[in-house]
N, C-alpha and C. Protein backbone atom coordinates (compact mmCIF):
# COMPACT_ATOMS: atom_id res chain seq x y z
N MET A 1 181.70 106.18 135.04
CA MET A 1 182.86 104.52 135.34
C MET A 1 181.42 104.34 134.20
N THR A 2 182.60 103.08 134.35
CA THR A 2 182.11 101.51 133.56
C THR A 2 182.83 100.75 134.16
N VAL A 3 181.82 99.46 133.58
CA VAL A 3 182.23 98.29 134.92
C VAL A 3 181.55 97.26 134.17
N LYS A 4 182.49 96.52 133.50
CA LYS A 4 182.44 95.13 132.75
C LYS A 4 183.20 94.30 133.53
N VAL A 5 182.65 92.19 133.03
CA VAL A 5 182.78 91.52 133.66
C VAL A 5 183.48 90.95 132.53
N ASN A 6 184.76 90.74 131.93
CA ASN A 6 185.28 89.70 130.99
C ASN A 6 185.16 88.27 130.99
N ASP A 7 185.52 87.76 129.91
CA ASP A 7 185.26 86.64 129.95
C ASP A 7 186.34 85.22 130.70
N GLY A 8 187.33 86.04 131.68
CA GLY A 8 187.36 85.28 132.85
C GLY A 8 186.99 84.97 133.82
N CYS A 9 185.43 85.28 134.47
CA CYS A 9 185.24 85.75 135.29
C CYS A 9 184.72 84.35 135.75
N ILE A 10 185.13 83.20 136.37
CA ILE A 10 184.53 81.85 136.90
C ILE A 10 183.80 81.57 138.17
N GLY A 11 182.64 82.58 138.04
CA GLY A 11 181.36 83.04 138.74
C GLY A 11 181.94 81.99 140.49
N CYS A 12 182.06 82.95 140.96
CA CYS A 12 182.79 82.39 142.24
C CYS A 12 181.48 82.92 143.35
N GLY A 13 181.35 84.54 143.15
CA GLY A 13 180.27 85.00 143.99
C GLY A 13 181.21 85.95 144.58
N ALA A 14 182.34 86.17 144.68
CA ALA A 14 183.13 87.06 145.49
C ALA A 14 182.61 88.61 145.47
N CYS A 15 182.17 88.80 144.15
CA CYS A 15 181.68 90.31 143.93
C CYS A 15 180.83 90.69 144.81
N GLU A 16 179.31 89.68 144.26
CA GLU A 16 178.17 89.54 144.72
C GLU A 16 178.21 89.51 146.66
N SER A 17 179.22 89.02 146.84
CA SER A 17 179.22 89.36 148.60
C SER A 17 179.66 90.23 148.84
N ILE A 18 180.66 91.46 148.21
CA ILE A 18 181.37 92.41 148.18
C ILE A 18 179.90 93.76 148.04
N CYS A 19 179.80 93.46 147.09
CA CYS A 19 178.26 94.72 146.30
C CYS A 19 177.62 94.02 145.48
N ASP A 20 176.58 93.32 145.77
CA ASP A 20 175.41 92.67 145.99
C ASP A 20 174.32 94.10 145.04
N ALA A 21 174.27 95.03 145.36
CA ALA A 21 173.71 96.33 144.68
C ALA A 21 173.87 96.02 142.84
N VAL A 22 175.44 96.01 142.83
CA VAL A 22 175.91 95.78 141.25
C VAL A 22 175.86 94.55 140.89
N PHE A 23 176.71 93.70 141.45
CA PHE A 23 177.40 92.19 141.32
C PHE A 23 175.45 91.20 140.89
N SER A 24 175.87 90.68 140.47
CA SER A 24 174.94 88.93 140.70
C SER A 24 175.37 88.69 140.02
N VAL A 25 175.50 86.83 140.19
CA VAL A 25 175.98 85.59 139.67
C VAL A 25 174.99 84.87 139.85
N SER A 26 175.16 84.61 137.96
CA SER A 26 174.99 82.40 138.09
C SER A 26 175.86 82.09 138.09
N ASP A 27 175.69 82.11 136.53
CA ASP A 27 177.17 81.20 135.49
C ASP A 27 178.51 82.20 135.97
N LYS A 28 178.05 83.02 135.89
CA LYS A 28 178.68 84.09 135.28
C LYS A 28 178.53 85.79 135.37
N ALA A 29 179.41 86.36 136.60
CA ALA A 29 178.68 87.38 136.59
C ALA A 29 177.96 88.98 136.45
N GLU A 30 177.28 89.42 136.18
CA GLU A 30 176.81 90.14 135.36
C GLU A 30 176.28 91.70 136.52
N VAL A 31 176.31 92.95 135.37
CA VAL A 31 176.17 94.19 136.18
C VAL A 31 175.31 94.91 136.29
N ASN A 32 174.60 95.18 137.62
CA ASN A 32 173.01 95.96 137.10
C ASN A 32 174.29 97.69 137.15
N GLU A 33 173.95 98.54 135.39
CA GLU A 33 174.10 99.49 135.46
C GLU A 33 174.03 100.40 136.33
N SER A 34 172.59 100.28 135.96
CA SER A 34 172.11 101.52 136.95
C SER A 34 172.91 101.82 138.50
N ALA A 35 173.28 100.55 139.19
CA ALA A 35 173.33 100.67 140.67
C ALA A 35 174.76 101.48 140.39
N VAL A 36 175.55 100.88 139.63
CA VAL A 36 176.57 101.98 140.03
C VAL A 36 177.46 102.81 140.54
N ALA A 37 176.51 103.75 140.48
CA ALA A 37 177.24 105.74 140.20
C ALA A 37 176.69 105.48 141.86
N ASP A 38 175.92 104.93 142.72
CA ASP A 38 175.46 104.78 143.80
C ASP A 38 176.26 103.96 145.12
N ASN A 39 176.91 103.40 144.07
CA ASN A 39 177.32 102.45 145.03
C ASN A 39 179.79 101.65 144.27
N ILE A 40 179.87 102.71 143.85
CA ILE A 40 181.50 102.94 143.53
C ILE A 40 182.42 102.56 144.47
N ASP A 41 182.69 103.19 145.40
CA ASP A 41 183.30 102.40 146.50
C ASP A 41 183.51 100.74 146.74
N CYS A 42 182.48 100.40 147.05
CA CYS A 42 181.97 98.49 146.68
C CYS A 42 182.37 97.78 145.36
N VAL A 43 182.46 98.84 144.35
CA VAL A 43 182.44 98.28 142.69
C VAL A 43 184.49 98.21 142.63
N LYS A 44 185.10 99.14 143.20
CA LYS A 44 186.35 99.13 143.62
C LYS A 44 186.40 97.59 144.17
N GLU A 45 186.50 98.07 145.19
CA GLU A 45 186.57 96.62 146.50
C GLU A 45 186.88 95.42 145.74
N ALA A 46 184.88 95.00 145.40
CA ALA A 46 184.84 93.70 144.48
C ALA A 46 185.97 93.31 143.11
N ALA A 47 186.33 94.44 142.57
CA ALA A 47 187.04 94.58 141.45
C ALA A 47 188.67 93.82 142.72
N ASP A 48 188.55 94.65 143.01
CA ASP A 48 189.78 94.24 143.64
C ASP A 48 189.90 92.82 144.74
N ALA A 49 189.21 92.79 145.22
CA ALA A 49 189.36 91.57 145.80
C ALA A 49 189.50 89.56 144.60
N CYS A 50 188.58 90.13 143.26
CA CYS A 50 188.07 89.21 142.39
C CYS A 50 189.27 88.12 142.11
N PRO A 51 189.55 87.31 142.13
CA PRO A 51 190.90 85.95 142.35
C PRO A 51 191.31 86.47 141.24
N VAL A 52 190.41 86.42 139.80
CA VAL A 52 190.82 86.19 138.49
C VAL A 52 190.94 87.64 137.83
N GLY A 53 190.36 88.70 138.70
CA GLY A 53 190.71 89.85 137.89
C GLY A 53 189.78 90.28 136.77
N ALA A 54 188.87 89.38 136.72
CA ALA A 54 187.88 89.55 135.90
C ALA A 54 187.13 90.87 135.83
N ILE A 55 187.29 92.43 136.76
CA ILE A 55 185.99 93.23 136.52
C ILE A 55 186.71 93.95 136.47
N GLU A 56 186.52 94.87 135.25
CA GLU A 56 187.54 95.98 134.71
C GLU A 56 186.32 96.97 135.01
N VAL A 57 186.89 98.56 135.82
CA VAL A 57 186.71 99.69 136.36
C VAL A 57 187.14 100.35 135.70
N GLU A 58 186.57 101.27 134.87
CA GLU A 58 186.56 102.38 134.13
C GLU A 58 186.60 103.72 133.77
């Protein structure tokens, strides 16, 4: 599984509050690739919760 945050990210922090093992937000969300495999459920939840659809899960 690959997780990307596109340029539409507004840095709201919703993803980090749902799945802080994978996402961290300063100006824009960043993905901790090494943590994705162990946190697939919360990654999907964070992607669904993103208000601008900036998290791409493939």
